[in-house]
Amino acid sequence: MGLRQPPTSQPETVIHLRSQSVCPPADPSLPHSPSAELQCCPGWRQKDQECTIPICEGLDACREDEVCVKPGLCRCKPGFFGAQCNSRES
């Protein structure tokens, strides 16, 4: 079961109700029903019908040698480690 995202200039997309990181509408006056519009929780971006892309921006932005693994949390790219992510795994 999925619900529609708020209308935008892009075609409508559907977010699955049981997807991770899905939040109810920001407007608490909207009814919580199957027809209520869902959105990705803060710190997450939609990919297809899921909210699976973490956001690391501003002060929490990842360095070039890191990847964002969850909102505000960066890790070294695969195969690297260390404080500066410049050590290679052997």
Foldseek 3Di string as FASTA:
>chain_A
DWEWAPDDPDDIATARPPAPQKDFDPDVVDDPDRHGHIDGHPQFDDDHRHGQAGDQDDPLDDDPQWHDRHHSDIAGDPQFHDPVRPHGDD
